[in-house]
Amino acid sequence: MRVAVCLMLVACPLVIAAGCFGEGGVDAPPPSAGSGSSSSAGGAGGSGGMGVGGMGGAGGVGGASSSSSSSGSGGQGGAGGGASVVACPGKPGMVQVQAPAGGNFYCIDSTEVTSAAYVSWAETMPMLTQPPQCEWNTSLLPQTVPPKSNLPMANVDWCDAYAYCAAHEKRLCGRIDGGPLPFSESAADEALSQWHNVCTAGGTRTYPYGDTYDPVACNGQDKDAADDKPLAVGVTTCEGGFLGIFDLSGNVWEWEDSCDEAEDAGTPAEHNCRRRGGGYSSKQVDMDCSTASTIARASANSQTGFRCCADPSAMP
């Protein structure tokens, strides 16, 4: 039996804000002072620090020189620092990323939501706030409840995924800057889709790890056809687009907040919603970042799970 929950319907989908994001600091150690005559050059610039969202930091400030009569000019700024994982303020297990072209910052789960996290939450019989499209959804768990483990939670429908993210002050990944990604808009536009922006590292990659398909990097059909099942989340060979984010290709498909709400699309439970990234049985054609499969909102199967995103807000 599926676990029943109490429901509270709202007139429009709940958008949960999730963090106040500051930019990464610049680590510029004090440069050495120069020495020599009145025309001597300044000290070397400091090295660049860690950047935001995997970008290099700014160069350091040049140092002043000293002499018997006058000081020299400051040294040249240092080189940018290397890429780094940027944690999401106040949201453990999430990574902070940036929209393209200097856009807003937001956060995304480092891994797919695990069965341990999801089942533990569902067993508390939580009070839910769901959009009107989910008024039919009165349960959260499949008939066969999986053991609590680090495997991705599967066999959940779109409404289950939406409810979990909202309950944790996050949201199902959708449109950059808030809300769902309209079904009429491209799922393969990094300027629109939170999920696609992350997978492609801002539109710079075809797969989360690069432009060339690697059959064994992520958990798809080509990795091990005889071992056709999901793996524990966080497969280190399947990292990217941004550092610290895993399994965006393969393992399980991931629900996206992007559904066909047209009046002629049937009942809300029948409306098609997008899922991204491919699953453990997917071939190469479905393992890239641009692919978006569509299935009914009420569908639940062993190859479909999800992860959550979070938008910036006033938060310590």
C-alpha atoms as a PDB file:
ATOM      1  CA  MET A   1       0.000   0.000   0.000  1.00  0.00           C
ATOM      2  CA  ARG A   2       1.175   3.553  -0.685  1.00  0.00           C
ATOM      3  CA  VAL A   3       1.461   5.836   2.328  1.00  0.00           C
ATOM      4  CA  ALA A   4      -1.363   8.411   2.498  1.00  0.00           C
ATOM      5  CA  VAL A   5      -0.622  12.032   3.290  1.00  0.00           C
ATOM      6  CA  CYS A   6      -2.592  15.126   4.191  1.00  0.00           C
ATOM      7  CA  LEU A   7      -2.793  17.651   1.355  1.00  0.00           C
ATOM      8  CA  MET A   8      -3.185  21.404   1.126  1.00  0.00           C
ATOM      9  CA  LEU A   9      -3.835  22.680  -2.403  1.00  0.00           C
ATOM     10  CA  VAL A  10      -2.762  26.079  -3.576  1.00  0.00           C
ATOM     11  CA  ALA A  11      -3.828  28.123  -6.572  1.00  0.00           C
ATOM     12  CA  CYS A  12      -0.423  28.137  -8.178  1.00  0.00           C
ATOM     13  CA  PRO A  13       2.776  26.078  -7.834  1.00  0.00           C
ATOM     14  CA  LEU A  14       4.822  26.766  -4.742  1.00  0.00           C
ATOM     15  CA  VAL A  15       8.149  28.458  -5.378  1.00  0.00           C
ATOM     16  CA  ILE A  16      10.516  28.096  -2.460  1.00  0.00           C
ATOM     17  CA  ALA A  17      13.491  30.381  -2.071  1.00  0.00           C
ATOM     18  CA  ALA A  18      16.574  28.918  -0.604  1.00  0.00           C
ATOM     19  CA  GLY A  19      19.620  30.978   0.077  1.00  0.00           C
ATOM     20  CA  CYS A  20      21.524  34.215   0.072  1.00  0.00           C
ATOM     21  CA  PHE A  21      24.460  33.706  -2.176  1.00  0.00           C
ATOM     22  CA  GLY A  22      27.662  35.703  -1.894  1.00  0.00           C
ATOM     23  CA  GLU A  23      30.455  35.646  -4.374  1.00  0.00           C
ATOM     24  CA  GLY A  24      33.613  33.657  -3.694  1.00  0.00           C
ATOM     25  CA  GLY A  25      36.466  35.433  -2.012  1.00  0.00           C
ATOM     26  CA  VAL A  26      39.762  36.361  -3.583  1.00  0.00           C
ATOM     27  CA  ASP A  27      42.797  34.883  -1.936  1.00  0.00           C
ATOM     28  CA  ALA A  28      45.619  37.321  -2.596  1.00  0.00           C
ATOM     29  CA  PRO A  29      48.633  36.857  -0.325  1.00  0.00           C
ATOM     30  CA  PRO A  30      50.716  39.972   0.354  1.00  0.00           C
ATOM     31  CA  PRO A  31      53.357  40.409  -2.377  1.00  0.00           C
ATOM     32  CA  SER A  32      57.008  40.804  -1.624  1.00  0.00           C
ATOM     33  CA  ALA A  33      58.299  44.363  -1.523  1.00  0.00           C
ATOM     34  CA  GLY A  34      60.635  45.358  -4.348  1.00  0.00           C
ATOM     35  CA  SER A  35      64.022  47.011  -3.717  1.00  0.00           C
ATOM     36  CA  GLY A  36      66.483  48.969  -5.763  1.00  0.00           C
ATOM     37  CA  SER A  37      66.962  52.442  -7.248  1.00  0.00           C
ATOM     38  CA  SER A  38      64.377  55.185  -7.647  1.00  0.00           C
ATOM     39  CA  SER A  39      63.193  53.621 -10.922  1.00  0.00           C
ATOM     40  CA  SER A  40      62.837  50.062  -9.631  1.00  0.00           C
ATOM     41  CA  ALA A  41      59.689  48.051 -10.483  1.00  0.00           C
ATOM     42  CA  GLY A  42      57.082  47.035  -7.902  1.00  0.00           C
ATOM     43  CA  GLY A  43      56.693  43.608  -6.354  1.00  0.00           C
ATOM     44  CA  ALA A  44      54.951  40.713  -8.087  1.00  0.00           C
ATOM     45  CA  GLY A  45      51.172  40.520  -7.947  1.00  0.00           C
ATOM     46  CA  GLY A  46      49.442  38.094  -5.625  1.00  0.00           C
ATOM     47  CA  SER A  47      48.055  34.827  -6.948  1.00  0.00           C
ATOM     48  CA  GLY A  48      44.390  34.522  -7.843  1.00  0.00           C
ATOM     49  CA  GLY A  49      42.023  32.882  -5.392  1.00  0.00           C
ATOM     50  CA  MET A  50      39.159  30.461  -5.735  1.00  0.00           C
ATOM     51  CA  GLY A  51      36.355  31.670  -7.943  1.00  0.00           C
ATOM     52  CA  VAL A  52      32.597  31.264  -7.880  1.00  0.00           C
ATOM     53  CA  GLY A  53      30.930  28.332  -9.576  1.00  0.00           C
ATOM     54  CA  GLY A  54      34.197  26.869 -10.766  1.00  0.00           C
ATOM     55  CA  MET A  55      35.665  30.019 -12.272  1.00  0.00           C
ATOM     56  CA  GLY A  56      39.140  31.303 -11.510  1.00  0.00           C
ATOM     57  CA  GLY A  57      39.513  34.152  -9.024  1.00  0.00           C
ATOM     58  CA  ALA A  58      40.721  37.624  -9.773  1.00  0.00           C
ATOM     59  CA  GLY A  59      44.430  38.440  -9.833  1.00  0.00           C
ATOM     60  CA  GLY A  60      46.076  39.858  -6.728  1.00  0.00           C
ATOM     61  CA  VAL A  61      47.040  43.468  -6.187  1.00  0.00           C
ATOM     62  CA  GLY A  62      50.598  44.464  -7.139  1.00  0.00           C
ATOM     63  CA  GLY A  63      53.034  45.361  -4.386  1.00  0.00           C
ATOM     64  CA  ALA A  64      54.926  48.602  -3.876  1.00  0.00           C
ATOM     65  CA  SER A  65      58.699  48.897  -4.195  1.00  0.00           C
ATOM     66  CA  SER A  66      61.047  50.849  -1.957  1.00  0.00           C
ATOM     67  CA  SER A  67      64.204  52.860  -2.657  1.00  0.00           C
ATOM     68  CA  SER A  68      66.257  55.667  -1.218  1.00  0.00           C
ATOM     69  CA  SER A  69      64.373  58.385  -3.115  1.00  0.00           C
ATOM     70  CA  SER A  70      60.983  57.212  -4.317  1.00  0.00           C
ATOM     71  CA  SER A  71      58.735  54.181  -4.521  1.00  0.00           C
ATOM     72  CA  GLY A  72      58.216  52.195  -7.707  1.00  0.00           C
ATOM     73  CA  SER A  73      54.949  51.260  -9.334  1.00  0.00           C
ATOM     74  CA  GLY A  74      52.845  48.351  -8.118  1.00  0.00           C
ATOM     75  CA  GLY A  75      53.378  44.914  -9.582  1.00  0.00           C
ATOM     76  CA  GLN A  76      51.066  43.207 -12.068  1.00  0.00           C
ATOM     77  CA  GLY A  77      48.023  41.325 -10.762  1.00  0.00           C
ATOM     78  CA  GLY A  78      48.352  37.592 -10.301  1.00  0.00           C
ATOM     79  CA  ALA A  79      46.783  34.895 -12.444  1.00  0.00           C
ATOM     80  CA  GLY A  80      43.290  33.562 -11.774  1.00  0.00           C
ATOM     81  CA  GLY A  81      42.915  30.652  -9.421  1.00  0.00           C
ATOM     82  CA  GLY A  82      41.765  27.146 -10.337  1.00  0.00           C
ATOM     83  CA  ALA A  83      38.252  25.685 -10.386  1.00  0.00           C
ATOM     84  CA  SER A  84      36.641  24.738  -7.118  1.00  0.00           C
ATOM     85  CA  VAL A  85      33.406  23.379  -5.660  1.00  0.00           C
ATOM     86  CA  VAL A  86      31.294  26.172  -4.183  1.00  0.00           C
ATOM     87  CA  ALA A  87      28.987  24.986  -1.404  1.00  0.00           C
ATOM     88  CA  CYS A  88      25.472  26.375  -1.177  1.00  0.00           C
ATOM     89  CA  PRO A  89      25.045  28.639   1.889  1.00  0.00           C
ATOM     90  CA  GLY A  90      22.715  27.022   4.408  1.00  0.00           C
ATOM     91  CA  LYS A  91      21.963  24.046   2.171  1.00  0.00           C
ATOM     92  CA  PRO A  92      24.189  21.032   2.882  1.00  0.00           C
ATOM     93  CA  GLY A  93      24.559  18.672  -0.038  1.00  0.00           C
ATOM     94  CA  MET A  94      23.977  21.371  -2.653  1.00  0.00           C
ATOM     95  CA  VAL A  95      26.423  23.125  -4.976  1.00  0.00           C
ATOM     96  CA  GLN A  96      26.215  26.785  -5.982  1.00  0.00           C
ATOM     97  CA  VAL A  97      26.333  27.527  -9.710  1.00  0.00           C
ATOM     98  CA  GLN A  98      25.768  30.567 -11.894  1.00  0.00           C
ATOM     99  CA  ALA A  99      23.478  31.188 -14.850  1.00  0.00           C
ATOM    100  CA  PRO A 100      25.218  32.056 -18.138  1.00  0.00           C
ATOM    101  CA  ALA A 101      26.505  35.525 -19.012  1.00  0.00           C
ATOM    102  CA  GLY A 102      26.963  36.598 -15.404  1.00  0.00           C
ATOM    103  CA  GLY A 103      23.416  35.646 -14.452  1.00  0.00           C
ATOM    104  CA  ASN A 104      22.010  34.870 -11.028  1.00  0.00           C
ATOM    105  CA  PHE A 105      23.430  32.242  -8.722  1.00  0.00           C
ATOM    106  CA  TYR A 106      21.367  29.244  -7.647  1.00  0.00           C
ATOM    107  CA  CYS A 107      21.983  25.847  -6.088  1.00  0.00           C
ATOM    108  CA  ILE A 108      21.452  22.258  -7.182  1.00  0.00           C
ATOM    109  CA  ASP A 109      21.704  18.955  -5.322  1.00  0.00           C
ATOM    110  CA  SER A 110      25.118  17.375  -5.652  1.00  0.00           C
ATOM    111  CA  THR A 111      23.491  13.977  -6.245  1.00  0.00           C
ATOM    112  CA  GLU A 112      20.151  12.461  -7.058  1.00  0.00           C
ATOM    113  CA  VAL A 113      17.870  12.179  -4.018  1.00  0.00           C
ATOM    114  CA  THR A 114      18.530   8.839  -2.314  1.00  0.00           C
ATOM    115  CA  SER A 115      16.015   6.287  -1.104  1.00  0.00           C
ATOM    116  CA  ALA A 116      17.359   6.801   2.435  1.00  0.00           C
ATOM    117  CA  ALA A 117      16.500  10.510   2.349  1.00  0.00           C
ATOM    118  CA  TYR A 118      13.176  10.150   0.568  1.00  0.00           C
ATOM    119  CA  VAL A 119      11.735   7.182   2.480  1.00  0.00           C
ATOM    120  CA  SER A 120      12.741   8.661   5.836  1.00  0.00           C
ATOM    121  CA  TRP A 121      10.864  11.843   4.924  1.00  0.00           C
ATOM    122  CA  ALA A 122       7.765  10.085   3.520  1.00  0.00           C
ATOM    123  CA  GLU A 123       7.434   7.922   6.638  1.00  0.00           C
ATOM    124  CA  THR A 124       6.863  11.055   8.739  1.00  0.00           C
ATOM    125  CA  MET A 125       3.460  11.513   7.003  1.00  0.00           C
ATOM    126  CA  PRO A 126       4.284  15.126   6.118  1.00  0.00           C
ATOM    127  CA  MET A 127       1.723  17.841   5.530  1.00  0.00           C
ATOM    128  CA  LEU A 128       2.131  18.810   1.887  1.00  0.00           C
ATOM    129  CA  THR A 129       1.519  21.844  -0.246  1.00  0.00           C
ATOM    130  CA  GLN A 130       0.977  20.795  -3.845  1.00  0.00           C
ATOM    131  CA  PRO A 131      -0.078  22.593  -7.029  1.00  0.00           C
ATOM    132  CA  PRO A 132      -3.622  22.022  -8.343  1.00  0.00           C
ATOM    133  CA  GLN A 133      -2.219  19.701 -11.022  1.00  0.00           C
ATOM    134  CA  CYS A 134      -1.416  17.228  -8.231  1.00  0.00           C
ATOM    135  CA  GLU A 135      -4.775  17.144  -6.405  1.00  0.00           C
ATOM    136  CA  TRP A 136      -5.065  13.468  -7.324  1.00  0.00           C
ATOM    137  CA  ASN A 137      -1.782  12.625  -5.580  1.00  0.00           C
ATOM    138  CA  THR A 138      -2.616  11.369  -2.088  1.00  0.00           C
ATOM    139  CA  SER A 139       0.338   9.064  -1.457  1.00  0.00           C
ATOM    140  CA  LEU A 140       4.112   9.304  -1.586  1.00  0.00           C
ATOM    141  CA  LEU A 141       5.533   5.788  -1.530  1.00  0.00           C
ATOM    142  CA  PRO A 142       5.320   2.961  -4.084  1.00  0.00           C
ATOM    143  CA  GLN A 143       3.657  -0.313  -3.155  1.00  0.00           C
ATOM    144  CA  THR A 144       7.068  -1.881  -2.616  1.00  0.00           C
ATOM    145  CA  VAL A 145       9.010   0.521  -0.427  1.00  0.00           C
ATOM    146  CA  PRO A 146      12.745   0.325  -1.192  1.00  0.00           C
ATOM    147  CA  PRO A 147      15.287  -0.123   1.586  1.00  0.00           C
ATOM    148  CA  LYS A 148      16.954   3.033   2.833  1.00  0.00           C
ATOM    149  CA  SER A 149      20.235   3.236   0.961  1.00  0.00           C
ATOM    150  CA  ASN A 150      22.447   5.480  -1.155  1.00  0.00           C
ATOM    151  CA  LEU A 151      20.752   4.290  -4.322  1.00  0.00           C
ATOM    152  CA  PRO A 152      18.711   6.958  -6.109  1.00  0.00           C
ATOM    153  CA  MET A 153      15.027   7.044  -5.175  1.00  0.00           C
ATOM    154  CA  ALA A 154      13.024   5.794  -8.147  1.00  0.00           C
ATOM    155  CA  ASN A 155       9.387   4.800  -8.741  1.00  0.00           C
ATOM    156  CA  VAL A 156       8.225   8.299  -7.807  1.00  0.00           C
ATOM    157  CA  ASP A 157       5.903  10.382  -9.975  1.00  0.00           C
ATOM    158  CA  TRP A 158       6.360  14.074 -10.809  1.00  0.00           C
ATOM    159  CA  CYS A 159       4.130  15.196  -7.923  1.00  0.00           C
ATOM    160  CA  ASP A 160       6.093  13.110  -5.395  1.00  0.00           C
ATOM    161  CA  ALA A 161       9.320  14.760  -6.544  1.00  0.00           C
ATOM    162  CA  TYR A 162       7.765  18.240  -6.477  1.00  0.00           C
ATOM    163  CA  ALA A 163       6.437  17.683  -2.934  1.00  0.00           C
ATOM    164  CA  TYR A 164       9.773  16.441  -1.578  1.00  0.00           C
ATOM    165  CA  CYS A 165      11.696  19.416  -2.916  1.00  0.00           C
ATOM    166  CA  ALA A 166       9.115  21.923  -1.637  1.00  0.00           C
ATOM    167  CA  ALA A 167       9.101  20.320   1.812  1.00  0.00           C
ATOM    168  CA  HIS A 168      12.868  20.839   2.026  1.00  0.00           C
ATOM    169  CA  GLU A 169      12.666  24.523   1.018  1.00  0.00           C
ATOM    170  CA  LYS A 170      13.913  23.717  -2.461  1.00  0.00           C
ATOM    171  CA  ARG A 171      12.128  23.211  -5.757  1.00  0.00           C
ATOM    172  CA  LEU A 172      12.097  20.768  -8.614  1.00  0.00           C
ATOM    173  CA  CYS A 173      14.636  22.141 -11.093  1.00  0.00           C
ATOM    174  CA  GLY A 174      12.877  24.304 -13.656  1.00  0.00           C
ATOM    175  CA  ARG A 175      13.354  27.723 -15.196  1.00  0.00           C
ATOM    176  CA  ILE A 176      16.336  29.893 -14.285  1.00  0.00           C
ATOM    177  CA  ASP A 177      15.130  32.820 -12.127  1.00  0.00           C
ATOM    178  CA  GLY A 178      12.134  30.888 -10.817  1.00  0.00           C
ATOM    179  CA  GLY A 179       9.078  28.824 -11.646  1.00  0.00           C
ATOM    180  CA  PRO A 180       8.538  26.037 -14.148  1.00  0.00           C
ATOM    181  CA  LEU A 181      10.210  25.917 -17.535  1.00  0.00           C
ATOM    182  CA  PRO A 182       7.295  26.374 -19.984  1.00  0.00           C
ATOM    183  CA  PHE A 183       6.808  23.329 -22.157  1.00  0.00           C
ATOM    184  CA  SER A 184       6.910  25.598 -25.204  1.00  0.00           C
ATOM    185  CA  GLU A 185      10.475  26.671 -24.396  1.00  0.00           C
ATOM    186  CA  SER A 186      13.552  24.656 -25.323  1.00  0.00           C
ATOM    187  CA  ALA A 187      14.845  22.207 -22.763  1.00  0.00           C
ATOM    188  CA  ALA A 188      18.277  22.513 -24.390  1.00  0.00           C
ATOM    189  CA  ASP A 189      18.785  26.205 -23.633  1.00  0.00           C
ATOM    190  CA  GLU A 190      21.267  26.863 -20.835  1.00  0.00           C
ATOM    191  CA  ALA A 191      19.891  30.394 -20.457  1.00  0.00           C
ATOM    192  CA  LEU A 192      16.444  28.998 -19.587  1.00  0.00           C
ATOM    193  CA  SER A 193      16.781  25.573 -17.949  1.00  0.00           C
ATOM    194  CA  GLN A 194      18.475  25.212 -14.568  1.00  0.00           C
ATOM    195  CA  TRP A 195      19.181  21.550 -15.235  1.00  0.00           C
ATOM    196  CA  HIS A 196      20.614  22.086 -18.722  1.00  0.00           C
ATOM    197  CA  ASN A 197      22.816  24.957 -17.584  1.00  0.00           C
ATOM    198  CA  VAL A 198      24.391  22.760 -14.911  1.00  0.00           C
ATOM    199  CA  CYS A 199      24.838  19.703 -17.124  1.00  0.00           C
ATOM    200  CA  THR A 200      26.536  21.681 -19.890  1.00  0.00           C
ATOM    201  CA  ALA A 201      28.594  23.929 -17.573  1.00  0.00           C
ATOM    202  CA  GLY A 202      26.910  26.988 -18.989  1.00  0.00           C
ATOM    203  CA  GLY A 203      26.529  25.680 -22.520  1.00  0.00           C
ATOM    204  CA  THR A 204      30.151  24.612 -22.984  1.00  0.00           C
ATOM    205  CA  ARG A 205      29.760  20.815 -23.011  1.00  0.00           C
ATOM    206  CA  THR A 206      27.752  18.110 -24.753  1.00  0.00           C
ATOM    207  CA  TYR A 207      28.016  15.686 -21.829  1.00  0.00           C
ATOM    208  CA  PRO A 208      28.577  16.674 -18.203  1.00  0.00           C
ATOM    209  CA  TYR A 209      32.227  15.558 -18.393  1.00  0.00           C
ATOM    210  CA  GLY A 210      33.087  16.948 -21.873  1.00  0.00           C
ATOM    211  CA  ASP A 211      32.216  16.926 -25.570  1.00  0.00           C
ATOM    212  CA  THR A 212      33.205  13.355 -26.405  1.00  0.00           C
ATOM    213  CA  TYR A 213      31.038  10.441 -25.311  1.00  0.00           C
ATOM    214  CA  ASP A 214      32.705   8.154 -22.772  1.00  0.00           C
ATOM    215  CA  PRO A 215      30.800   4.842 -22.596  1.00  0.00           C
ATOM    216  CA  VAL A 216      32.051   3.981 -19.107  1.00  0.00           C
ATOM    217  CA  ALA A 217      32.107   7.368 -17.389  1.00  0.00           C
ATOM    218  CA  CYS A 218      28.436   7.299 -16.376  1.00  0.00           C
ATOM    219  CA  ASN A 219      25.959   4.523 -15.611  1.00  0.00           C
ATOM    220  CA  GLY A 220      24.228   3.828 -18.921  1.00  0.00           C
ATOM    221  CA  GLN A 221      23.767   0.743 -21.064  1.00  0.00           C
ATOM    222  CA  ASP A 222      27.326   0.924 -22.405  1.00  0.00           C
ATOM    223  CA  LYS A 223      28.942   0.936 -18.960  1.00  0.00           C
ATOM    224  CA  ASP A 224      27.952  -2.646 -18.157  1.00  0.00           C
ATOM    225  CA  ALA A 225      25.006  -4.050 -20.074  1.00  0.00           C
ATOM    226  CA  ALA A 226      25.015  -7.201 -17.949  1.00  0.00           C
ATOM    227  CA  ASP A 227      24.691  -5.173 -14.748  1.00  0.00           C
ATOM    228  CA  ASP A 228      21.529  -3.276 -15.686  1.00  0.00           C
ATOM    229  CA  LYS A 229      20.720  -1.442 -12.458  1.00  0.00           C
ATOM    230  CA  PRO A 230      21.268   1.891 -10.701  1.00  0.00           C
ATOM    231  CA  LEU A 231      24.432   2.575  -8.735  1.00  0.00           C
ATOM    232  CA  ALA A 232      24.892   4.401  -5.452  1.00  0.00           C
ATOM    233  CA  VAL A 233      24.812   8.142  -6.070  1.00  0.00           C
ATOM    234  CA  GLY A 234      28.014  10.117  -6.482  1.00  0.00           C
ATOM    235  CA  VAL A 235      29.844   8.027  -9.101  1.00  0.00           C
ATOM    236  CA  THR A 236      33.122   9.929  -9.209  1.00  0.00           C
ATOM    237  CA  THR A 237      33.763   9.217 -12.892  1.00  0.00           C
ATOM    238  CA  CYS A 238      30.464  10.903 -13.771  1.00  0.00           C
ATOM    239  CA  GLU A 239      31.132  14.410 -12.445  1.00  0.00           C
ATOM    240  CA  GLY A 240      30.095  17.700 -14.045  1.00  0.00           C
ATOM    241  CA  GLY A 241      29.174  19.970 -15.703  1.00  0.00           C
ATOM    242  CA  PHE A 242      30.219  21.991 -12.608  1.00  0.00           C
ATOM    243  CA  LEU A 243      32.525  20.366 -10.061  1.00  0.00           C
ATOM    244  CA  GLY A 244      30.916  18.491  -7.200  1.00  0.00           C
ATOM    245  CA  ILE A 245      27.779  17.485  -9.143  1.00  0.00           C
ATOM    246  CA  PHE A 246      27.354  13.815 -10.056  1.00  0.00           C
ATOM    247  CA  ASP A 247      25.266  11.490 -12.249  1.00  0.00           C
ATOM    248  CA  LEU A 248      23.639  14.062 -14.519  1.00  0.00           C
ATOM    249  CA  SER A 249      24.069  11.453 -17.243  1.00  0.00           C
ATOM    250  CA  GLY A 250      22.654   7.980 -16.645  1.00  0.00           C
ATOM    251  CA  ASN A 251      21.811   6.178 -13.384  1.00  0.00           C
ATOM    252  CA  VAL A 252      18.178   7.406 -13.323  1.00  0.00           C
ATOM    253  CA  TRP A 253      16.261   9.916 -15.412  1.00  0.00           C
ATOM    254  CA  GLU A 254      15.490  13.095 -13.455  1.00  0.00           C
ATOM    255  CA  TRP A 255      12.126  14.855 -13.371  1.00  0.00           C
ATOM    256  CA  GLU A 256      12.152  18.509 -14.450  1.00  0.00           C
ATOM    257  CA  ASP A 257       9.570  21.185 -13.608  1.00  0.00           C
ATOM    258  CA  SER A 258       8.447  21.441 -17.216  1.00  0.00           C
ATOM    259  CA  CYS A 259       5.034  20.029 -18.145  1.00  0.00           C
ATOM    260  CA  ASP A 260       2.532  20.365 -20.976  1.00  0.00           C
ATOM    261  CA  GLU A 261      -0.432  22.117 -19.345  1.00  0.00           C
ATOM    262  CA  ALA A 262      -2.449  22.557 -22.567  1.00  0.00           C
ATOM    263  CA  GLU A 263      -6.192  22.065 -22.144  1.00  0.00           C
ATOM    264  CA  ASP A 264      -6.232  19.364 -24.807  1.00  0.00           C
ATOM    265  CA  ALA A 265      -3.423  17.390 -23.109  1.00  0.00           C
ATOM    266  CA  GLY A 266      -5.835  15.340 -20.989  1.00  0.00           C
ATOM    267  CA  THR A 267      -6.162  15.386 -17.214  1.00  0.00           C
ATOM    268  CA  PRO A 268      -3.329  16.932 -15.180  1.00  0.00           C
ATOM    269  CA  ALA A 269      -2.192  13.422 -14.202  1.00  0.00           C
ATOM    270  CA  GLU A 270      -1.912  12.598 -17.913  1.00  0.00           C
ATOM    271  CA  HIS A 271       0.014  15.735 -18.858  1.00  0.00           C
ATOM    272  CA  ASN A 272       3.486  15.009 -20.176  1.00  0.00           C
ATOM    273  CA  CYS A 273       6.423  16.274 -18.106  1.00  0.00           C
ATOM    274  CA  ARG A 274      10.070  16.311 -19.012  1.00  0.00           C
ATOM    275  CA  ARG A 275      12.770  14.161 -17.508  1.00  0.00           C
ATOM    276  CA  ARG A 276      16.467  14.592 -18.165  1.00  0.00           C
ATOM    277  CA  GLY A 277      19.805  12.802 -18.370  1.00  0.00           C
ATOM    278  CA  GLY A 278      19.017   9.214 -19.263  1.00  0.00           C
ATOM    279  CA  GLY A 279      18.964   6.143 -17.020  1.00  0.00           C
ATOM    280  CA  TYR A 280      20.971   3.006 -16.385  1.00  0.00           C
ATOM    281  CA  SER A 281      19.499   1.307 -19.479  1.00  0.00           C
ATOM    282  CA  SER A 282      19.914   4.316 -21.780  1.00  0.00           C
ATOM    283  CA  LYS A 283      21.969   4.264 -24.956  1.00  0.00           C
ATOM    284  CA  GLN A 284      24.326   7.025 -26.048  1.00  0.00           C
ATOM    285  CA  VAL A 285      21.549   8.947 -27.809  1.00  0.00           C
ATOM    286  CA  ASP A 286      19.876   9.638 -24.443  1.00  0.00           C
ATOM    287  CA  MET A 287      22.998  10.219 -22.351  1.00  0.00           C
ATOM    288  CA  ASP A 288      23.781  13.768 -23.471  1.00  0.00           C
ATOM    289  CA  CYS A 289      22.684  16.983 -21.772  1.00  0.00           C
ATOM    290  CA  SER A 290      20.248  18.154 -24.443  1.00  0.00           C
ATOM    291  CA  THR A 291      17.972  15.106 -24.478  1.00  0.00           C
ATOM    292  CA  ALA A 292      14.596  15.481 -22.779  1.00  0.00           C
ATOM    293  CA  SER A 293      12.224  12.531 -22.591  1.00  0.00           C
ATOM    294  CA  THR A 294       8.536  13.091 -21.768  1.00  0.00           C
ATOM    295  CA  ILE A 295       6.218  10.833 -19.787  1.00  0.00           C
ATOM    296  CA  ALA A 296       2.910  11.379 -17.987  1.00  0.00           C
ATOM    297  CA  ARG A 297       3.017  13.309 -14.697  1.00  0.00           C
ATOM    298  CA  ALA A 298       1.542  10.326 -12.819  1.00  0.00           C
ATOM    299  CA  SER A 299       4.073   7.855 -14.243  1.00  0.00           C
ATOM    300  CA  ALA A 300       6.469   6.146 -11.859  1.00  0.00           C
ATOM    301  CA  ASN A 301       9.080   3.601 -12.882  1.00  0.00           C
ATOM    302  CA  SER A 302      12.378   2.096 -11.781  1.00  0.00           C
ATOM    303  CA  GLN A 303      14.435   4.350 -14.057  1.00  0.00           C
ATOM    304  CA  THR A 304      13.057   7.743 -13.012  1.00  0.00           C
ATOM    305  CA  GLY A 305      14.161   9.759  -9.983  1.00  0.00           C
ATOM    306  CA  PHE A 306      14.995  13.410  -9.364  1.00  0.00           C
ATOM    307  CA  ARG A 307      17.156  16.061  -7.710  1.00  0.00           C
ATOM    308  CA  CYS A 308      16.227  19.519  -6.408  1.00  0.00           C
ATOM    309  CA  CYS A 309      17.304  23.103  -7.073  1.00  0.00           C
ATOM    310  CA  ALA A 310      17.154  26.182  -4.828  1.00  0.00           C
ATOM    311  CA  ASP A 311      16.888  29.884  -5.627  1.00  0.00           C
ATOM    312  CA  PRO A 312      18.540  32.763  -3.774  1.00  0.00           C
ATOM    313  CA  SER A 313      16.686  34.544  -0.956  1.00  0.00           C
ATOM    314  CA  ALA A 314      17.413  36.563   2.162  1.00  0.00           C
ATOM    315  CA  MET A 315      18.987  33.881   4.307  1.00  0.00           C
ATOM    316  CA  PRO A 316      21.912  34.079   6.760  1.00  0.00           C
END
